[in-house]
């Protein structure tokens, strides 16, 4: 039984799963819209929203040490300096007045090859 087990396995081992999530979250912040399967989108949606909330809280506090700490936490999860900079300078200020719900999933139908459900995961304007 999977009681109290958080997250989806996505048919991958731990290392491959964490690498996949890290890359997909980076791509979401870089392009602000990605096309992927529904299971992968659901797996990364929470991480992306938590990173945006982290950046928002740090910027709202206005304290320099909290902003630096939040940037370090975001860099530990994303491992890309330019994406972290975009997250804090462009994406987080955009959602200053919004209380969550920073992403949207729109269904596209099924993929021809394996009939998996495809979605577009994008940042809300």
PDB file of N, CA and C in Angstrom:
ATOM      1  N   UNK A   1       0.834  -1.188   0.000  1.00  0.00           N
ATOM      2  CA  UNK A   1       0.000   0.000   0.000  1.00  0.00           C
ATOM      3  C   UNK A   1       0.872   1.243   0.000  1.00  0.00           C
ATOM      4  N   UNK A   2       0.346   2.300  -0.601  1.00  0.00           N
ATOM      5  CA  UNK A   2       1.106   3.543  -0.729  1.00  0.00           C
ATOM      6  C   UNK A   2       0.611   4.607   0.250  1.00  0.00           C
ATOM      7  N   UNK A   3       0.322   4.244   1.461  1.00  0.00           N
ATOM      8  CA  UNK A   3      -0.146   5.213   2.435  1.00  0.00           C
ATOM      9  C   UNK A   3       0.941   6.237   2.726  1.00  0.00           C
ATOM     10  N   UNK A   4       0.573   7.505   2.688  1.00  0.00           N
ATOM     11  CA  UNK A   4       1.452   8.627   3.006  1.00  0.00           C
ATOM     12  C   UNK A   4       2.706   8.698   2.141  1.00  0.00           C
ATOM     13  N   UNK A   5       2.658   8.158   0.931  1.00  0.00           N
ATOM     14  CA  UNK A   5       3.773   8.245   0.007  1.00  0.00           C
ATOM     15  C   UNK A   5       3.450   9.372  -0.969  1.00  0.00           C
ATOM     16  N   UNK A   6       4.311  10.365  -1.016  1.00  0.00           N
ATOM     17  CA  UNK A   6       4.058  11.556  -1.807  1.00  0.00           C
ATOM     18  C   UNK A   6       4.783  11.446  -3.141  1.00  0.00           C
ATOM     19  N   UNK A   7       4.152  11.872  -4.204  1.00  0.00           N
ATOM     20  CA  UNK A   7       4.785  11.927  -5.512  1.00  0.00           C
ATOM     21  C   UNK A   7       4.519  10.691  -6.347  1.00  0.00           C
ATOM     22  N   UNK A   8       4.788  10.845  -7.633  1.00  0.00           N
ATOM     23  CA  UNK A   8       4.589   9.753  -8.574  1.00  0.00           C
ATOM     24  C   UNK A   8       5.950   9.213  -8.992  1.00  0.00           C
ATOM     25  N   UNK A   9       6.021   7.903  -9.249  1.00  0.00           N
ATOM     26  CA  UNK A   9       7.293   7.277  -9.615  1.00  0.00           C
ATOM     27  C   UNK A   9       7.663   7.505 -11.074  1.00  0.00           C
ATOM     28  N   UNK A  10       6.683   7.664 -11.938  1.00  0.00           N
ATOM     29  CA  UNK A  10       6.893   7.912 -13.363  1.00  0.00           C
ATOM     30  C   UNK A  10       7.727   6.828 -14.036  1.00  0.00           C
ATOM     31  N   UNK A  11       7.686   5.620 -13.517  1.00  0.00           N
ATOM     32  CA  UNK A  11       8.407   4.464 -14.074  1.00  0.00           C
ATOM     33  C   UNK A  11       9.905   4.715 -14.195  1.00  0.00           C
ATOM     34  N   UNK A  12      10.492   5.389 -13.210  1.00  0.00           N
ATOM     35  CA  UNK A  12      11.913   5.702 -13.224  1.00  0.00           C
ATOM     36  C   UNK A  12      12.514   5.456 -11.846  1.00  0.00           C
ATOM     37  N   UNK A  13      13.829   5.275 -11.824  1.00  0.00           N
ATOM     38  CA  UNK A  13      14.541   5.178 -10.553  1.00  0.00           C
ATOM     39  C   UNK A  13      14.690   6.579  -9.965  1.00  0.00           C
ATOM     40  N   UNK A  14      15.153   6.662  -8.743  1.00  0.00           N
ATOM     41  CA  UNK A  14      15.190   7.924  -8.014  1.00  0.00           C
ATOM     42  C   UNK A  14      16.000   8.983  -8.754  1.00  0.00           C
ATOM     43  N   UNK A  15      17.183   8.641  -9.202  1.00  0.00           N
ATOM     44  CA  UNK A  15      18.046   9.621  -9.864  1.00  0.00           C
ATOM     45  C   UNK A  15      17.447  10.146 -11.148  1.00  0.00           C
ATOM     46  N   UNK A  16      16.916   9.245 -11.953  1.00  0.00           N
ATOM     47  CA  UNK A  16      16.304   9.663 -13.213  1.00  0.00           C
ATOM     48  C   UNK A  16      15.056  10.501 -12.969  1.00  0.00           C
ATOM     49  N   UNK A  17      14.308  10.144 -11.935  1.00  0.00           N
ATOM     50  CA  UNK A  17      13.082  10.882 -11.612  1.00  0.00           C
ATOM     51  C   UNK A  17      13.397  12.302 -11.147  1.00  0.00           C
ATOM     52  N   UNK A  18      14.380  12.459 -10.289  1.00  0.00           N
ATOM     53  CA  UNK A  18      14.732  13.807  -9.816  1.00  0.00           C
ATOM     54  C   UNK A  18      15.320  14.641 -10.946  1.00  0.00           C
ATOM     55  N   UNK A  19      16.128  14.023 -11.812  1.00  0.00           N
ATOM     56  CA  UNK A  19      16.684  14.750 -12.953  1.00  0.00           C
ATOM     57  C   UNK A  19      15.580  15.200 -13.901  1.00  0.00           C
ATOM     58  N   UNK A  20      14.609  14.334 -14.145  1.00  0.00           N
ATOM     59  CA  UNK A  20      13.495  14.681 -15.022  1.00  0.00           C
ATOM     60  C   UNK A  20      12.706  15.860 -14.462  1.00  0.00           C
ATOM     61  N   UNK A  21      12.411  15.799 -13.178  1.00  0.00           N
ATOM     62  CA  UNK A  21      11.654  16.892 -12.556  1.00  0.00           C
ATOM     63  C   UNK A  21      12.427  18.204 -12.594  1.00  0.00           C
ATOM     64  N   UNK A  22      13.713  18.148 -12.307  1.00  0.00           N
ATOM     65  CA  UNK A  22      14.534  19.358 -12.302  1.00  0.00           C
ATOM     66  C   UNK A  22      14.579  19.981 -13.690  1.00  0.00           C
ATOM     67  N   UNK A  23      14.773  19.172 -14.709  1.00  0.00           N
ATOM     68  CA  UNK A  23      14.844  19.675 -16.081  1.00  0.00           C
ATOM     69  C   UNK A  23      13.507  20.251 -16.520  1.00  0.00           C
ATOM     70  N   UNK A  24      12.420  19.572 -16.174  1.00  0.00           N
ATOM     71  CA  UNK A  24      11.113  20.051 -16.618  1.00  0.00           C
ATOM     72  C   UNK A  24      10.705  21.353 -15.924  1.00  0.00           C
ATOM     73  N   UNK A  25      11.043  21.495 -14.649  1.00  0.00           N
ATOM     74  CA  UNK A  25      10.739  22.750 -13.950  1.00  0.00           C
ATOM     75  C   UNK A  25      11.573  23.881 -14.540  1.00  0.00           C
ATOM     76  N   UNK A  26      12.843  23.598 -14.857  1.00  0.00           N
ATOM     77  CA  UNK A  26      13.682  24.620 -15.487  1.00  0.00           C
ATOM     78  C   UNK A  26      13.107  25.038 -16.831  1.00  0.00           C
ATOM     79  N   UNK A  27      12.655  24.071 -17.624  1.00  0.00           N
ATOM     80  CA  UNK A  27      12.073  24.396 -18.920  1.00  0.00           C
ATOM     81  C   UNK A  27      10.778  25.183 -18.777  1.00  0.00           C
ATOM     82  N   UNK A  28       9.982  24.861 -17.766  1.00  0.00           N
ATOM     83  CA  UNK A  28       8.747  25.610 -17.534  1.00  0.00           C
ATOM     84  C   UNK A  28       9.055  27.072 -17.225  1.00  0.00           C
ATOM     85  N   UNK A  29      10.062  27.328 -16.401  1.00  0.00           N
ATOM     86  CA  UNK A  29      10.408  28.704 -16.078  1.00  0.00           C
ATOM     87  C   UNK A  29      11.096  29.407 -17.244  1.00  0.00           C
ATOM     88  N   UNK A  30      11.829  28.659 -18.048  1.00  0.00           N
ATOM     89  CA  UNK A  30      12.529  29.263 -19.180  1.00  0.00           C
ATOM     90  C   UNK A  30      11.564  29.653 -20.298  1.00  0.00           C
ATOM     91  N   UNK A  31      10.701  28.722 -20.700  1.00  0.00           N
ATOM     92  CA  UNK A  31       9.800  28.965 -21.829  1.00  0.00           C
ATOM     93  C   UNK A  31       8.407  29.400 -21.401  1.00  0.00           C
ATOM     94  N   UNK A  32       8.085  29.248 -20.128  1.00  0.00           N
ATOM     95  CA  UNK A  32       6.805  29.606 -19.522  1.00  0.00           C
ATOM     96  C   UNK A  32       5.641  28.777 -20.069  1.00  0.00           C
ATOM     97  N   UNK A  33       5.941  27.739 -20.842  1.00  0.00           N
ATOM     98  CA  UNK A  33       4.913  26.837 -21.377  1.00  0.00           C
ATOM     99  C   UNK A  33       5.626  25.597 -21.902  1.00  0.00           C
ATOM    100  N   UNK A  34       5.168  24.418 -21.453  1.00  0.00           N
ATOM    101  CA  UNK A  34       5.731  23.177 -21.963  1.00  0.00           C
ATOM    102  C   UNK A  34       4.609  22.215 -22.318  1.00  0.00           C
ATOM    103  N   UNK A  35       4.882  21.359 -23.280  1.00  0.00           N
ATOM    104  CA  UNK A  35       3.935  20.341 -23.718  1.00  0.00           C
ATOM    105  C   UNK A  35       4.475  18.993 -23.254  1.00  0.00           C
ATOM    106  N   UNK A  36       3.693  18.291 -22.445  1.00  0.00           N
ATOM    107  CA  UNK A  36       4.160  17.044 -21.848  1.00  0.00           C
ATOM    108  C   UNK A  36       2.974  16.146 -21.536  1.00  0.00           C
ATOM    109  N   UNK A  37       3.260  14.992 -20.958  1.00  0.00           N
ATOM    110  CA  UNK A  37       2.173  14.097 -20.567  1.00  0.00           C
ATOM    111  C   UNK A  37       1.525  14.613 -19.287  1.00  0.00           C
ATOM    112  N   UNK A  38       0.318  14.162 -19.053  1.00  0.00           N
ATOM    113  CA  UNK A  38      -0.441  14.623 -17.887  1.00  0.00           C
ATOM    114  C   UNK A  38       0.225  14.199 -16.582  1.00  0.00           C
ATOM    115  N   UNK A  39       0.757  12.972 -16.536  1.00  0.00           N
ATOM    116  CA  UNK A  39       1.393  12.476 -15.314  1.00  0.00           C
ATOM    117  C   UNK A  39       2.632  13.292 -14.970  1.00  0.00           C
ATOM    118  N   UNK A  40       3.456  13.613 -15.961  1.00  0.00           N
ATOM    119  CA  UNK A  40       4.657  14.414 -15.715  1.00  0.00           C
ATOM    120  C   UNK A  40       4.284  15.836 -15.293  1.00  0.00           C
ATOM    121  N   UNK A  41       3.256  16.387 -15.919  1.00  0.00           N
ATOM    122  CA  UNK A  41       2.820  17.737 -15.564  1.00  0.00           C
ATOM    123  C   UNK A  41       2.320  17.790 -14.125  1.00  0.00           C
ATOM    124  N   UNK A  42       1.563  16.781 -13.717  1.00  0.00           N
ATOM    125  CA  UNK A  42       1.082  16.749 -12.342  1.00  0.00           C
ATOM    126  C   UNK A  42       2.231  16.560 -11.364  1.00  0.00           C
ATOM    127  N   UNK A  43       3.275  15.845 -11.786  1.00  0.00           N
ATOM    128  CA  UNK A  43       4.402  15.590 -10.901  1.00  0.00           C
ATOM    129  C   UNK A  43       5.230  16.841 -10.659  1.00  0.00           C
ATOM    130  N   UNK A  44       5.324  17.743 -11.636  1.00  0.00           N
ATOM    131  CA  UNK A  44       6.183  18.925 -11.469  1.00  0.00           C
ATOM    132  C   UNK A  44       5.407  20.183 -11.090  1.00  0.00           C
ATOM    133  N   UNK A  45       4.099  20.136 -11.219  1.00  0.00           N
ATOM    134  CA  UNK A  45       3.300  21.336 -10.966  1.00  0.00           C
ATOM    135  C   UNK A  45       3.488  21.863  -9.538  1.00  0.00           C
ATOM    136  N   UNK A  46       3.460  20.982  -8.568  1.00  0.00           N
ATOM    137  CA  UNK A  46       3.619  21.404  -7.175  1.00  0.00           C
ATOM    138  C   UNK A  46       4.977  21.997  -6.902  1.00  0.00           C
ATOM    139  N   UNK A  47       6.031  21.414  -7.471  1.00  0.00           N
ATOM    140  CA  UNK A  47       7.382  21.948  -7.267  1.00  0.00           C
ATOM    141  C   UNK A  47       7.504  23.353  -7.838  1.00  0.00           C
ATOM    142  N   UNK A  48       6.962  23.551  -9.025  1.00  0.00           N
ATOM    143  CA  UNK A  48       7.036  24.862  -9.660  1.00  0.00           C
ATOM    144  C   UNK A  48       6.301  25.913  -8.834  1.00  0.00           C
ATOM    145  N   UNK A  49       5.127  25.562  -8.349  1.00  0.00           N
ATOM    146  CA  UNK A  49       4.359  26.526  -7.563  1.00  0.00           C
ATOM    147  C   UNK A  49       5.045  26.840  -6.233  1.00  0.00           C
ATOM    148  N   UNK A  50       5.677  25.849  -5.627  1.00  0.00           N
ATOM    149  CA  UNK A  50       6.393  26.094  -4.377  1.00  0.00           C
ATOM    150  C   UNK A  50       7.592  27.000  -4.592  1.00  0.00           C
ATOM    151  N   UNK A  51       8.285  26.857  -5.714  1.00  0.00           N
ATOM    152  CA  UNK A  51       9.424  27.724  -5.997  1.00  0.00           C
ATOM    153  C   UNK A  51       8.972  29.167  -6.238  1.00  0.00           C
ATOM    154  N   UNK A  52       7.850  29.347  -6.922  1.00  0.00           N
ATOM    155  CA  UNK A  52       7.328  30.698  -7.140  1.00  0.00           C
ATOM    156  C   UNK A  52       6.918  31.312  -5.810  1.00  0.00           C
ATOM    157  N   UNK A  53       6.278  30.529  -4.936  1.00  0.00           N
ATOM    158  CA  UNK A  53       5.883  31.033  -3.618  1.00  0.00           C
ATOM    159  C   UNK A  53       7.101  31.391  -2.780  1.00  0.00           C
ATOM    160  N   UNK A  54       8.155  30.588  -2.858  1.00  0.00           N
ATOM    161  CA  UNK A  54       9.394  30.881  -2.145  1.00  0.00           C
ATOM    162  C   UNK A  54       9.961  32.223  -2.581  1.00  0.00           C
ATOM    163  N   UNK A  55      10.009  32.449  -3.882  1.00  0.00           N
ATOM    164  CA  UNK A  55      10.534  33.706  -4.408  1.00  0.00           C
ATOM    165  C   UNK A  55       9.640  34.888  -4.019  1.00  0.00           C
ATOM    166  N   UNK A  56       8.332  34.678  -4.075  1.00  0.00           N
ATOM    167  CA  UNK A  56       7.393  35.745  -3.704  1.00  0.00           C
ATOM    168  C   UNK A  56       7.544  36.163  -2.252  1.00  0.00           C
ATOM    169  N   UNK A  57       7.622  35.168  -1.351  1.00  0.00           N
ATOM    170  CA  UNK A  57       7.757  35.469   0.073  1.00  0.00           C
ATOM    171  C   UNK A  57       9.053  36.210   0.363  1.00  0.00           C
ATOM    172  N   UNK A  58      10.126  35.800  -0.296  1.00  0.00           N
ATOM    173  CA  UNK A  58      11.418  36.449  -0.064  1.00  0.00           C
ATOM    174  C   UNK A  58      11.389  37.891  -0.549  1.00  0.00           C
ATOM    175  N   UNK A  59      10.807  38.130  -1.700  1.00  0.00           N
ATOM    176  CA  UNK A  59      10.750  39.494  -2.224  1.00  0.00           C
ATOM    177  C   UNK A  59       9.814  40.368  -1.398  1.00  0.00           C
ATOM    178  N   UNK A  60       8.745  39.776  -0.882  1.00  0.00           N
ATOM    179  CA  UNK A  60       7.795  40.547  -0.080  1.00  0.00           C
ATOM    180  C   UNK A  60       8.403  40.957   1.257  1.00  0.00           C
ATOM    181  N   UNK A  61       9.301  40.133   1.792  1.00  0.00           N
ATOM    182  CA  UNK A  61       9.912  40.479   3.077  1.00  0.00           C
ATOM    183  C   UNK A  61      10.816  41.693   2.939  1.00  0.00           C
ATOM    184  N   UNK A  62      11.481  41.810   1.792  1.00  0.00           N
ATOM    185  CA  UNK A  62      12.350  42.957   1.554  1.00  0.00           C
ATOM    186  C   UNK A  62      13.696  42.880   2.245  1.00  0.00           C
ATOM    187  N   UNK A  63      13.901  41.865   3.060  1.00  0.00           N
ATOM    188  CA  UNK A  63      15.169  41.725   3.763  1.00  0.00           C
ATOM    189  C   UNK A  63      16.173  41.022   2.858  1.00  0.00           C
ATOM    190  N   UNK A  64      17.348  41.606   2.761  1.00  0.00           N
ATOM    191  CA  UNK A  64      18.351  41.108   1.835  1.00  0.00           C
ATOM    192  C   UNK A  64      18.812  39.698   2.185  1.00  0.00           C
ATOM    193  N   UNK A  65      18.971  39.402   3.481  1.00  0.00           N
ATOM    194  CA  UNK A  65      19.442  38.066   3.855  1.00  0.00           C
ATOM    195  C   UNK A  65      18.405  36.995   3.527  1.00  0.00           C
ATOM    196  N   UNK A  66      17.109  37.306   3.639  1.00  0.00           N
ATOM    197  CA  UNK A  66      16.073  36.336   3.284  1.00  0.00           C
ATOM    198  C   UNK A  66      16.028  36.108   1.779  1.00  0.00           C
ATOM    199  N   UNK A  67      16.265  37.157   1.000  1.00  0.00           N
ATOM    200  CA  UNK A  67      16.279  37.024  -0.454  1.00  0.00           C
ATOM    201  C   UNK A  67      17.452  36.159  -0.887  1.00  0.00           C
ATOM    202  N   UNK A  68      18.612  36.374  -0.277  1.00  0.00           N
ATOM    203  CA  UNK A  68      19.791  35.571  -0.612  1.00  0.00           C
ATOM    204  C   UNK A  68      19.570  34.111  -0.238  1.00  0.00           C
ATOM    205  N   UNK A  69      18.986  33.888   0.932  1.00  0.00           N
ATOM    206  CA  UNK A  69      18.720  32.520   1.368  1.00  0.00           C
ATOM    207  C   UNK A  69      17.735  31.822   0.421  1.00  0.00           C
ATOM    208  N   UNK A  70      16.690  32.542   0.027  1.00  0.00           N
ATOM    209  CA  UNK A  70      15.700  31.957  -0.885  1.00  0.00           C
ATOM    210  C   UNK A  70      16.322  31.668  -2.248  1.00  0.00           C
ATOM    211  N   UNK A  71      17.203  32.546  -2.719  1.00  0.00           N
ATOM    212  CA  UNK A  71      17.886  32.291  -3.993  1.00  0.00           C
ATOM    213  C   UNK A  71      18.749  31.043  -3.906  1.00  0.00           C
ATOM    214  N   UNK A  72      19.400  30.845  -2.772  1.00  0.00           N
ATOM    215  CA  UNK A  72      20.231  29.656  -2.598  1.00  0.00           C
ATOM    216  C   UNK A  72      19.383  28.392  -2.563  1.00  0.00           C
ATOM    217  N   UNK A  73      18.229  28.456  -1.913  1.00  0.00           N
ATOM    218  CA  UNK A  73      17.326  27.306  -1.893  1.00  0.00           C
ATOM    219  C   UNK A  73      16.816  26.989  -3.302  1.00  0.00           C
ATOM    220  N   UNK A  74      16.462  28.032  -4.052  1.00  0.00           N
ATOM    221  CA  UNK A  74      15.978  27.828  -5.418  1.00  0.00           C
ATOM    222  C   UNK A  74      17.094  27.277  -6.305  1.00  0.00           C
ATOM    223  N   UNK A  75      18.304  27.763  -6.115  1.00  0.00           N
ATOM    224  CA  UNK A  75      19.429  27.271  -6.913  1.00  0.00           C
ATOM    225  C   UNK A  75      19.736  25.812  -6.599  1.00  0.00           C
ATOM    226  N   UNK A  76      19.525  25.402  -5.360  1.00  0.00           N
ATOM    227  CA  UNK A  76      19.740  24.003  -4.987  1.00  0.00           C
ATOM    228  C   UNK A  76      18.743  23.096  -5.699  1.00  0.00           C
ATOM    229  N   UNK A  77      17.536  23.596  -5.959  1.00  0.00           N
ATOM    230  CA  UNK A  77      16.523  22.785  -6.610  1.00  0.00           C
ATOM    231  C   UNK A  77      16.579  22.863  -8.132  1.00  0.00           C
ATOM    232  N   UNK A  78      17.101  23.976  -8.675  1.00  0.00           N
ATOM    233  CA  UNK A  78      17.115  24.160 -10.123  1.00  0.00           C
ATOM    234  C   UNK A  78      18.499  24.001 -10.741  1.00  0.00           C
ATOM    235  N   UNK A  79      19.543  24.397 -10.025  1.00  0.00           N
ATOM    236  CA  UNK A  79      20.937  24.292 -10.487  1.00  0.00           C
ATOM    237  C   UNK A  79      21.169  25.037 -11.794  1.00  0.00           C
ATOM    238  N   UNK A  80      20.542  26.208 -11.954  1.00  0.00           N
ATOM    239  CA  UNK A  80      20.768  27.034 -13.134  1.00  0.00           C
ATOM    240  C   UNK A  80      20.635  28.496 -12.719  1.00  0.00           C
ATOM    241  N   UNK A  81      21.745  29.199 -12.795  1.00  0.00           N
ATOM    242  CA  UNK A  81      21.809  30.571 -12.296  1.00  0.00           C
ATOM    243  C   UNK A  81      20.859  31.504 -13.058  1.00  0.00           C
ATOM    244  N   UNK A  82      20.792  31.350 -14.381  1.00  0.00           N
ATOM    245  CA  UNK A  82      19.952  32.239 -15.184  1.00  0.00           C
ATOM    246  C   UNK A  82      18.467  32.017 -14.909  1.00  0.00           C
ATOM    247  N   UNK A  83      18.067  30.778 -14.706  1.00  0.00           N
ATOM    248  CA  UNK A  83      16.662  30.471 -14.426  1.00  0.00           C
ATOM    249  C   UNK A  83      16.264  31.009 -13.056  1.00  0.00           C
ATOM    250  N   UNK A  84      17.163  30.889 -12.070  1.00  0.00           N
ATOM    251  CA  UNK A  84      16.879  31.430 -10.736  1.00  0.00           C
ATOM    252  C   UNK A  84      16.738  32.947 -10.812  1.00  0.00           C
ATOM    253  N   UNK A  85      17.596  33.582 -11.603  1.00  0.00           N
ATOM    254  CA  UNK A  85      17.517  35.031 -11.762  1.00  0.00           C
ATOM    255  C   UNK A  85      16.197  35.426 -12.420  1.00  0.00           C
ATOM    256  N   UNK A  86      15.776  34.675 -13.434  1.00  0.00           N
ATOM    257  CA  UNK A  86      14.496  34.966 -14.083  1.00  0.00           C
ATOM    258  C   UNK A  86      13.334  34.742 -13.127  1.00  0.00           C
ATOM    259  N   UNK A  87      13.427  33.694 -12.304  1.00  0.00           N
ATOM    260  CA  UNK A  87      12.377  33.407 -11.328  1.00  0.00           C
ATOM    261  C   UNK A  87      12.191  34.566 -10.367  1.00  0.00           C
ATOM    262  N   UNK A  88      13.283  35.124  -9.859  1.00  0.00           N
ATOM    263  CA  UNK A  88      13.192  36.186  -8.863  1.00  0.00           C
ATOM    264  C   UNK A  88      12.956  37.562  -9.475  1.00  0.00           C
ATOM    265  N   UNK A  89      13.461  37.801 -10.684  1.00  0.00           N
ATOM    266  CA  UNK A  89      13.356  39.137 -11.274  1.00  0.00           C
ATOM    267  C   UNK A  89      12.115  39.328 -12.142  1.00  0.00           C
ATOM    268  N   UNK A  90      11.634  38.261 -12.792  1.00  0.00           N
ATOM    269  CA  UNK A  90      10.503  38.415 -13.712  1.00  0.00           C
ATOM    270  C   UNK A  90       9.247  37.677 -13.262  1.00  0.00           C
ATOM    271  N   UNK A  91       9.407  36.407 -12.886  1.00  0.00           N
ATOM    272  CA  UNK A  91       8.228  35.568 -12.641  1.00  0.00           C
ATOM    273  C   UNK A  91       7.566  35.891 -11.309  1.00  0.00           C
ATOM    274  N   UNK A  92       8.324  35.923 -10.221  1.00  0.00           N
ATOM    275  CA  UNK A  92       7.732  36.152  -8.896  1.00  0.00           C
ATOM    276  C   UNK A  92       7.044  37.517  -8.767  1.00  0.00           C
ATOM    277  N   UNK A  93       7.638  38.625  -9.253  1.00  0.00           N
ATOM    278  CA  UNK A  93       6.927  39.911  -9.149  1.00  0.00           C
ATOM    279  C   UNK A  93       5.618  39.945  -9.935  1.00  0.00           C
ATOM    280  N   UNK A  94       5.510  39.131 -10.962  1.00  0.00           N
ATOM    281  CA  UNK A  94       4.293  39.075 -11.764  1.00  0.00           C
ATOM    282  C   UNK A  94       3.108  38.571 -10.947  1.00  0.00           C
ATOM    283  N   UNK A  95       3.368  37.720  -9.952  1.00  0.00           N
ATOM    284  CA  UNK A  95       2.305  37.105  -9.156  1.00  0.00           C
ATOM    285  C   UNK A  95       2.210  37.715  -7.760  1.00  0.00           C
ATOM    286  N   UNK A  96       2.591  38.962  -7.627  1.00  0.00           N
ATOM    287  CA  UNK A  96       2.598  39.621  -6.328  1.00  0.00           C
ATOM    288  C   UNK A  96       1.214  39.654  -5.679  1.00  0.00           C
ATOM    289  N   UNK A  97       0.191  39.867  -6.469  1.00  0.00           N
ATOM    290  CA  UNK A  97      -1.175  39.991  -5.947  1.00  0.00           C
ATOM    291  C   UNK A  97      -1.933  38.665  -5.962  1.00  0.00           C
ATOM    292  N   UNK A  98      -1.332  37.610  -6.464  1.00  0.00           N
ATOM    293  CA  UNK A  98      -2.032  36.337  -6.630  1.00  0.00           C
ATOM    294  C   UNK A  98      -1.675  35.390  -5.492  1.00  0.00           C
ATOM    295  N   UNK A  99      -2.674  34.722  -4.926  1.00  0.00           N
ATOM    296  CA  UNK A  99      -2.460  33.795  -3.821  1.00  0.00           C
ATOM    297  C   UNK A  99      -2.491  32.350  -4.301  1.00  0.00           C
ATOM    298  N   UNK A 100      -1.522  31.945  -5.059  1.00  0.00           N
ATOM    299  CA  UNK A 100      -1.449  30.567  -5.539  1.00  0.00           C
ATOM    300  C   UNK A 100      -2.097  30.404  -6.896  1.00  0.00           C
ATOM    301  N   UNK A 101      -2.015  29.202  -7.437  1.00  0.00           N
ATOM    302  CA  UNK A 101      -2.588  28.931  -8.744  1.00  0.00           C
ATOM    303  C   UNK A 101      -1.792  29.595  -9.844  1.00  0.00           C
ATOM    304  N   UNK A 102      -0.476  29.417  -9.850  1.00  0.00           N
ATOM    305  CA  UNK A 102       0.388  30.092 -10.806  1.00  0.00           C
ATOM    306  C   UNK A 102       0.499  29.334 -12.122  1.00  0.00           C
ATOM    307  N   UNK A 103       0.051  28.075 -12.151  1.00  0.00           N
ATOM    308  CA  UNK A 103       0.155  27.275 -13.365  1.00  0.00           C
ATOM    309  C   UNK A 103      -1.225  26.812 -13.823  1.00  0.00           C
ATOM    310  N   UNK A 104      -1.287  26.462 -15.101  1.00  0.00           N
ATOM    311  CA  UNK A 104      -2.539  26.002 -15.707  1.00  0.00           C
ATOM    312  C   UNK A 104      -2.217  24.807 -16.596  1.00  0.00           C
ATOM    313  N   UNK A 105      -3.079  23.790 -16.544  1.00  0.00           N
ATOM    314  CA  UNK A 105      -2.933  22.633 -17.429  1.00  0.00           C
ATOM    315  C   UNK A 105      -4.110  22.606 -18.390  1.00  0.00           C
ATOM    316  N   UNK A 106      -3.806  22.591 -19.682  1.00  0.00           N
ATOM    317  CA  UNK A 106      -4.851  22.496 -20.701  1.00  0.00           C
ATOM    318  C   UNK A 106      -4.674  21.184 -21.453  1.00  0.00           C
ATOM    319  N   UNK A 107      -5.746  20.426 -21.555  1.00  0.00           N
ATOM    320  CA  UNK A 107      -5.684  19.125 -22.219  1.00  0.00           C
ATOM    321  C   UNK A 107      -5.578  19.305 -23.729  1.00  0.00           C
ATOM    322  N   UNK A 108      -4.765  18.441 -24.340  1.00  0.00           N
ATOM    323  CA  UNK A 108      -4.571  18.473 -25.784  1.00  0.00           C
ATOM    324  C   UNK A 108      -5.130  17.241 -26.483  1.00  0.00           C
ATOM    325  N   UNK A 109      -5.488  16.235 -25.738  1.00  0.00           N
ATOM    326  CA  UNK A 109      -5.929  14.983 -26.339  1.00  0.00           C
ATOM    327  C   UNK A 109      -4.876  13.911 -26.129  1.00  0.00           C
ATOM    328  N   UNK A 110      -4.984  12.852 -26.884  1.00  0.00           N
ATOM    329  CA  UNK A 110      -4.079  11.718 -26.705  1.00  0.00           C
ATOM    330  C   UNK A 110      -3.004  11.698 -27.784  1.00  0.00           C
ATOM    331  N   UNK A 111      -1.816  11.232 -27.391  1.00  0.00           N
ATOM    332  CA  UNK A 111      -0.695  11.100 -28.322  1.00  0.00           C
ATOM    333  C   UNK A 111      -0.926   9.880 -29.214  1.00  0.00           C
ATOM    334  N   UNK A 112      -0.535   9.985 -30.471  1.00  0.00           N
ATOM    335  CA  UNK A 112      -0.778   8.900 -31.427  1.00  0.00           C
ATOM    336  C   UNK A 112       0.010   7.639 -31.087  1.00  0.00           C
ATOM    337  N   UNK A 113       1.253   7.775 -30.713  1.00  0.00           N
ATOM    338  CA  UNK A 113       2.113   6.615 -30.534  1.00  0.00           C
ATOM    339  C   UNK A 113       1.677   5.667 -29.444  1.00  0.00           C
ATOM    340  N   UNK A 114       1.451   6.183 -28.251  1.00  0.00           N
ATOM    341  CA  UNK A 114       1.116   5.318 -27.119  1.00  0.00           C
ATOM    342  C   UNK A 114      -0.188   5.700 -26.438  1.00  0.00           C
ATOM    343  N   UNK A 115      -0.905   6.636 -27.005  1.00  0.00           N
ATOM    344  CA  UNK A 115      -2.215   7.052 -26.508  1.00  0.00           C
ATOM    345  C   UNK A 115      -2.160   7.624 -25.095  1.00  0.00           C
ATOM    346  N   UNK A 116      -1.027   8.246 -24.738  1.00  0.00           N
ATOM    347  CA  UNK A 116      -0.971   8.896 -23.426  1.00  0.00           C
ATOM    348  C   UNK A 116      -1.559  10.295 -23.530  1.00  0.00           C
ATOM    349  N   UNK A 117      -2.152  10.721 -22.438  1.00  0.00           N
ATOM    350  CA  UNK A 117      -2.851  12.002 -22.429  1.00  0.00           C
ATOM    351  C   UNK A 117      -1.841  13.143 -22.384  1.00  0.00           C
ATOM    352  N   UNK A 118      -1.929  14.064 -23.329  1.00  0.00           N
ATOM    353  CA  UNK A 118      -1.006  15.185 -23.438  1.00  0.00           C
ATOM    354  C   UNK A 118      -1.656  16.466 -22.914  1.00  0.00           C
ATOM    355  N   UNK A 119      -0.842  17.323 -22.300  1.00  0.00           N
ATOM    356  CA  UNK A 119      -1.314  18.600 -21.781  1.00  0.00           C
ATOM    357  C   UNK A 119      -0.273  19.672 -22.071  1.00  0.00           C
ATOM    358  N   UNK A 120      -0.723  20.908 -21.983  1.00  0.00           N
ATOM    359  CA  UNK A 120       0.190  22.049 -21.996  1.00  0.00           C
ATOM    360  C   UNK A 120       0.187  22.614 -20.593  1.00  0.00           C
ATOM    361  N   UNK A 121       1.352  22.662 -19.976  1.00  0.00           N
ATOM    362  CA  UNK A 121       1.502  23.241 -18.648  1.00  0.00           C
ATOM    363  C   UNK A 121       2.118  24.617 -18.844  1.00  0.00           C
ATOM    364  N   UNK A 122       1.431  25.650 -18.373  1.00  0.00           N
ATOM    365  CA  UNK A 122       1.920  27.009 -18.598  1.00  0.00           C
ATOM    366  C   UNK A 122       1.739  27.856 -17.360  1.00  0.00           C
ATOM    367  N   UNK A 123       2.511  28.917 -17.295  1.00  0.00           N
ATOM    368  CA  UNK A 123       2.366  29.887 -16.219  1.00  0.00           C
ATOM    369  C   UNK A 123       1.203  30.799 -16.551  1.00  0.00           C
ATOM    370  N   UNK A 124       0.378  31.086 -15.591  1.00  0.00           N
ATOM    371  CA  UNK A 124      -0.803  31.922 -15.784  1.00  0.00           C
ATOM    372  C   UNK A 124      -0.348  33.367 -15.945  1.00  0.00           C
ATOM    373  N   UNK A 125      -1.006  34.089 -16.836  1.00  0.00           N
ATOM    374  CA  UNK A 125      -0.657  35.497 -17.059  1.00  0.00           C
ATOM    375  C   UNK A 125      -1.139  36.374 -15.937  1.00  0.00           C
TER     376      UNK A 125
END
